[in-house]
């Protein structure tokens, strides 16, 4: 039984890992770098006097 072109494309796509674009990789790297800093930045914001200059 002959396979259709659509079925062949689906099979080929299923065999290959997904290829993420460069923009997606850069955005993912930027988010990972910020994940550790969000908690430390929030800790500094707890006190309203944290940014006051005396």
PDB file of N, CA and C in Angstrom:
ATOM      1  N   UNK A   1       0.846  -1.173   0.000  1.00  0.00           N
ATOM      2  CA  UNK A   1       0.000   0.000   0.000  1.00  0.00           C
ATOM      3  C   UNK A   1       0.901   1.249   0.000  1.00  0.00           C
ATOM      4  N   UNK A   2       0.659   2.163  -0.904  1.00  0.00           N
ATOM      5  CA  UNK A   2       1.479   3.364  -1.028  1.00  0.00           C
ATOM      6  C   UNK A   2       1.067   4.401   0.021  1.00  0.00           C
ATOM      7  N   UNK A   3       2.071   5.008   0.605  1.00  0.00           N
ATOM      8  CA  UNK A   3       1.801   6.045   1.603  1.00  0.00           C
ATOM      9  C   UNK A   3       1.668   7.387   0.908  1.00  0.00           C
ATOM     10  N   UNK A   4       0.846   8.220   1.470  1.00  0.00           N
ATOM     11  CA  UNK A   4       0.691   9.556   0.908  1.00  0.00           C
ATOM     12  C   UNK A   4       1.862  10.436   1.343  1.00  0.00           C
ATOM     13  N   UNK A   5       2.021  11.532   0.664  1.00  0.00           N
ATOM     14  CA  UNK A   5       3.102  12.466   0.999  1.00  0.00           C
ATOM     15  C   UNK A   5       2.914  13.020   2.409  1.00  0.00           C
ATOM     16  N   UNK A   6       1.668  13.224   2.808  1.00  0.00           N
ATOM     17  CA  UNK A   6       1.394  13.755   4.142  1.00  0.00           C
ATOM     18  C   UNK A   6       1.816  12.760   5.218  1.00  0.00           C
ATOM     19  N   UNK A   7       1.563  11.483   4.984  1.00  0.00           N
ATOM     20  CA  UNK A   7       1.955  10.455   5.949  1.00  0.00           C
ATOM     21  C   UNK A   7       3.472  10.352   6.036  1.00  0.00           C
ATOM     22  N   UNK A   8       4.152  10.463   4.903  1.00  0.00           N
ATOM     23  CA  UNK A   8       5.615  10.420   4.905  1.00  0.00           C
ATOM     24  C   UNK A   8       6.193  11.607   5.673  1.00  0.00           C
ATOM     25  N   UNK A   9       5.603  12.784   5.500  1.00  0.00           N
ATOM     26  CA  UNK A   9       6.080  13.970   6.225  1.00  0.00           C
ATOM     27  C   UNK A   9       5.882  13.808   7.728  1.00  0.00           C
ATOM     28  N   UNK A  10       4.739  13.252   8.136  1.00  0.00           N
ATOM     29  CA  UNK A  10       4.485  13.034   9.563  1.00  0.00           C
ATOM     30  C   UNK A  10       5.496  12.071  10.156  1.00  0.00           C
ATOM     31  N   UNK A  11       5.789  10.992   9.429  1.00  0.00           N
ATOM     32  CA  UNK A  11       6.760  10.013   9.927  1.00  0.00           C
ATOM     33  C   UNK A  11       8.143  10.629  10.051  1.00  0.00           C
ATOM     34  N   UNK A  12       8.534  11.405   9.057  1.00  0.00           N
ATOM     35  CA  UNK A  12       9.849  12.041   9.079  1.00  0.00           C
ATOM     36  C   UNK A  12       9.942  13.034  10.235  1.00  0.00           C
ATOM     37  N   UNK A  13       8.884  13.786  10.462  1.00  0.00           N
ATOM     38  CA  UNK A  13       8.879  14.754  11.563  1.00  0.00           C
ATOM     39  C   UNK A  13       8.919  14.054  12.916  1.00  0.00           C
ATOM     40  N   UNK A  14       8.286  12.900  13.019  1.00  0.00           N
ATOM     41  CA  UNK A  14       8.275  12.171  14.284  1.00  0.00           C
ATOM     42  C   UNK A  14       9.646  11.598  14.614  1.00  0.00           C
ATOM     43  N   UNK A  15      10.440  11.305  13.604  1.00  0.00           N
ATOM     44  CA  UNK A  15      11.770  10.728  13.819  1.00  0.00           C
ATOM     45  C   UNK A  15      12.793  11.775  14.230  1.00  0.00           C
ATOM     46  N   UNK A  16      12.579  13.025  13.832  1.00  0.00           N
ATOM     47  CA  UNK A  16      13.561  14.076  14.089  1.00  0.00           C
ATOM     48  C   UNK A  16      13.208  14.838  15.359  1.00  0.00           C
ATOM     49  N   UNK A  17      14.223  15.219  16.135  1.00  0.00           N
ATOM     50  CA  UNK A  17      13.934  16.044  17.312  1.00  0.00           C
ATOM     51  C   UNK A  17      13.480  17.430  16.868  1.00  0.00           C
ATOM     52  N   UNK A  18      12.667  18.093  17.665  1.00  0.00           N
ATOM     53  CA  UNK A  18      12.225  19.434  17.286  1.00  0.00           C
ATOM     54  C   UNK A  18      13.408  20.394  17.243  1.00  0.00           C
ATOM     55  N   UNK A  19      13.423  21.260  16.255  1.00  0.00           N
ATOM     56  CA  UNK A  19      14.497  22.238  16.099  1.00  0.00           C
ATOM     57  C   UNK A  19      13.971  23.595  16.543  1.00  0.00           C
ATOM     58  N   UNK A  20      14.500  24.078  17.650  1.00  0.00           N
ATOM     59  CA  UNK A  20      14.066  25.366  18.160  1.00  0.00           C
ATOM     60  C   UNK A  20      14.864  26.471  17.486  1.00  0.00           C
ATOM     61  N   UNK A  21      14.213  27.580  17.262  1.00  0.00           N
ATOM     62  CA  UNK A  21      14.877  28.701  16.612  1.00  0.00           C
ATOM     63  C   UNK A  21      15.892  29.340  17.557  1.00  0.00           C
ATOM     64  N   UNK A  22      16.766  30.134  16.989  1.00  0.00           N
ATOM     65  CA  UNK A  22      17.796  30.822  17.769  1.00  0.00           C
ATOM     66  C   UNK A  22      17.147  31.786  18.761  1.00  0.00           C
ATOM     67  N   UNK A  23      16.087  32.467  18.334  1.00  0.00           N
ATOM     68  CA  UNK A  23      15.402  33.411  19.227  1.00  0.00           C
ATOM     69  C   UNK A  23      14.843  32.708  20.456  1.00  0.00           C
ATOM     70  N   UNK A  24      14.300  31.508  20.258  1.00  0.00           N
ATOM     71  CA  UNK A  24      13.754  30.753  21.384  1.00  0.00           C
ATOM     72  C   UNK A  24      14.857  30.355  22.342  1.00  0.00           C
ATOM     73  N   UNK A  25      15.989  29.946  21.814  1.00  0.00           N
ATOM     74  CA  UNK A  25      17.111  29.550  22.675  1.00  0.00           C
ATOM     75  C   UNK A  25      17.642  30.732  23.471  1.00  0.00           C
ATOM     76  N   UNK A  26      17.745  31.897  22.831  1.00  0.00           N
ATOM     77  CA  UNK A  26      18.240  33.089  23.520  1.00  0.00           C
ATOM     78  C   UNK A  26      17.259  33.502  24.617  1.00  0.00           C
ATOM     79  N   UNK A  27      15.965  33.479  24.310  1.00  0.00           N
ATOM     80  CA  UNK A  27      14.959  33.852  25.310  1.00  0.00           C
ATOM     81  C   UNK A  27      14.983  32.884  26.484  1.00  0.00           C
ATOM     82  N   UNK A  28      15.145  31.604  26.207  1.00  0.00           N
ATOM     83  CA  UNK A  28      15.204  30.612  27.279  1.00  0.00           C
ATOM     84  C   UNK A  28      16.412  30.820  28.168  1.00  0.00           C
ATOM     85  N   UNK A  29      17.543  31.150  27.563  1.00  0.00           N
ATOM     86  CA  UNK A  29      18.754  31.391  28.343  1.00  0.00           C
ATOM     87  C   UNK A  29      18.592  32.637  29.210  1.00  0.00           C
ATOM     88  N   UNK A  30      17.942  33.656  28.682  1.00  0.00           N
ATOM     89  CA  UNK A  30      17.735  34.880  29.454  1.00  0.00           C
ATOM     90  C   UNK A  30      16.824  34.626  30.649  1.00  0.00           C
ATOM     91  N   UNK A  31      15.798  33.826  30.463  1.00  0.00           N
ATOM     92  CA  UNK A  31      14.879  33.523  31.565  1.00  0.00           C
ATOM     93  C   UNK A  31      15.592  32.714  32.634  1.00  0.00           C
ATOM     94  N   UNK A  32      16.428  31.772  32.227  1.00  0.00           N
ATOM     95  CA  UNK A  32      17.147  30.959  33.201  1.00  0.00           C
ATOM     96  C   UNK A  32      18.087  31.813  34.038  1.00  0.00           C
ATOM     97  N   UNK A  33      18.704  32.812  33.444  1.00  0.00           N
ATOM     98  CA  UNK A  33      19.618  33.675  34.193  1.00  0.00           C
ATOM     99  C   UNK A  33      18.859  34.517  35.203  1.00  0.00           C
ATOM    100  N   UNK A  34      17.624  34.904  34.879  1.00  0.00           N
ATOM    101  CA  UNK A  34      16.850  35.752  35.774  1.00  0.00           C
ATOM    102  C   UNK A  34      16.169  34.972  36.890  1.00  0.00           C
ATOM    103  N   UNK A  35      15.997  33.681  36.726  1.00  0.00           N
ATOM    104  CA  UNK A  35      15.255  32.897  37.724  1.00  0.00           C
ATOM    105  C   UNK A  35      15.896  32.985  39.104  1.00  0.00           C
ATOM    106  N   UNK A  36      17.193  32.960  39.206  1.00  0.00           N
ATOM    107  CA  UNK A  36      17.847  33.020  40.501  1.00  0.00           C
ATOM    108  C   UNK A  36      17.858  34.415  41.096  1.00  0.00           C
ATOM    109  N   UNK A  37      17.699  35.429  40.270  1.00  0.00           N
ATOM    110  CA  UNK A  37      17.785  36.802  40.765  1.00  0.00           C
ATOM    111  C   UNK A  37      16.448  37.350  41.222  1.00  0.00           C
ATOM    112  N   UNK A  38      15.361  36.741  40.825  1.00  0.00           N
ATOM    113  CA  UNK A  38      14.043  37.263  41.194  1.00  0.00           C
ATOM    114  C   UNK A  38      13.842  37.181  42.699  1.00  0.00           C
ATOM    115  N   UNK A  39      14.230  36.077  43.310  1.00  0.00           N
ATOM    116  CA  UNK A  39      14.054  35.933  44.750  1.00  0.00           C
ATOM    117  C   UNK A  39      14.920  36.923  45.521  1.00  0.00           C
ATOM    118  N   UNK A  40      16.153  37.128  45.085  1.00  0.00           N
ATOM    119  CA  UNK A  40      17.025  38.056  45.796  1.00  0.00           C
ATOM    120  C   UNK A  40      16.556  39.499  45.611  1.00  0.00           C
ATOM    121  N   UNK A  41      16.013  39.825  44.451  1.00  0.00           N
ATOM    122  CA  UNK A  41      15.491  41.169  44.230  1.00  0.00           C
ATOM    123  C   UNK A  41      14.243  41.398  45.071  1.00  0.00           C
ATOM    124  N   UNK A  42      13.409  40.380  45.185  1.00  0.00           N
ATOM    125  CA  UNK A  42      12.194  40.508  45.986  1.00  0.00           C
ATOM    126  C   UNK A  42      12.542  40.661  47.466  1.00  0.00           C
ATOM    127  N   UNK A  43      13.600  40.030  47.919  1.00  0.00           N
ATOM    128  CA  UNK A  43      14.005  40.146  49.320  1.00  0.00           C
ATOM    129  C   UNK A  43      14.417  41.581  49.641  1.00  0.00           C
ATOM    130  N   UNK A  44      15.046  42.260  48.704  1.00  0.00           N
ATOM    131  CA  UNK A  44      15.441  43.643  48.916  1.00  0.00           C
ATOM    132  C   UNK A  44      14.271  44.602  48.899  1.00  0.00           C
ATOM    133  N   UNK A  45      13.160  44.201  48.307  1.00  0.00           N
ATOM    134  CA  UNK A  45      11.994  45.062  48.205  1.00  0.00           C
ATOM    135  C   UNK A  45      11.074  44.944  49.415  1.00  0.00           C
ATOM    136  N   UNK A  46      11.352  44.034  50.323  1.00  0.00           N
ATOM    137  CA  UNK A  46      10.465  43.836  51.467  1.00  0.00           C
ATOM    138  C   UNK A  46      10.393  45.082  52.345  1.00  0.00           C
ATOM    139  N   UNK A  47      11.497  45.739  52.540  1.00  0.00           N
ATOM    140  CA  UNK A  47      11.524  46.919  53.390  1.00  0.00           C
ATOM    141  C   UNK A  47      11.399  48.169  52.520  1.00  0.00           C
ATOM    142  N   UNK A  48      10.466  49.072  52.822  1.00  0.00           N
ATOM    143  CA  UNK A  48      10.351  50.288  52.021  1.00  0.00           C
ATOM    144  C   UNK A  48      11.581  51.179  52.141  1.00  0.00           C
ATOM    145  N   UNK A  49      12.375  50.982  53.185  1.00  0.00           N
ATOM    146  CA  UNK A  49      13.567  51.806  53.371  1.00  0.00           C
ATOM    147  C   UNK A  49      14.790  51.235  52.666  1.00  0.00           C
ATOM    148  N   UNK A  50      14.634  50.151  51.949  1.00  0.00           N
ATOM    149  CA  UNK A  50      15.776  49.500  51.317  1.00  0.00           C
ATOM    150  C   UNK A  50      16.488  50.435  50.337  1.00  0.00           C
ATOM    151  N   UNK A  51      15.735  51.353  49.720  1.00  0.00           N
ATOM    152  CA  UNK A  51      16.342  52.214  48.712  1.00  0.00           C
ATOM    153  C   UNK A  51      16.486  53.662  49.170  1.00  0.00           C
ATOM    154  N   UNK A  52      16.195  53.926  50.408  1.00  0.00           N
ATOM    155  CA  UNK A  52      16.352  55.272  50.922  1.00  0.00           C
ATOM    156  C   UNK A  52      17.823  55.585  51.134  1.00  0.00           C
ATOM    157  N   UNK A  53      18.202  56.801  50.804  1.00  0.00           N
ATOM    158  CA  UNK A  53      19.573  57.248  51.029  1.00  0.00           C
ATOM    159  C   UNK A  53      19.565  58.123  52.279  1.00  0.00           C
ATOM    160  N   UNK A  54      20.369  57.752  53.246  1.00  0.00           N
ATOM    161  CA  UNK A  54      20.384  58.520  54.495  1.00  0.00           C
ATOM    162  C   UNK A  54      21.666  59.302  54.627  1.00  0.00           C
TER     163      UNK A  54
END
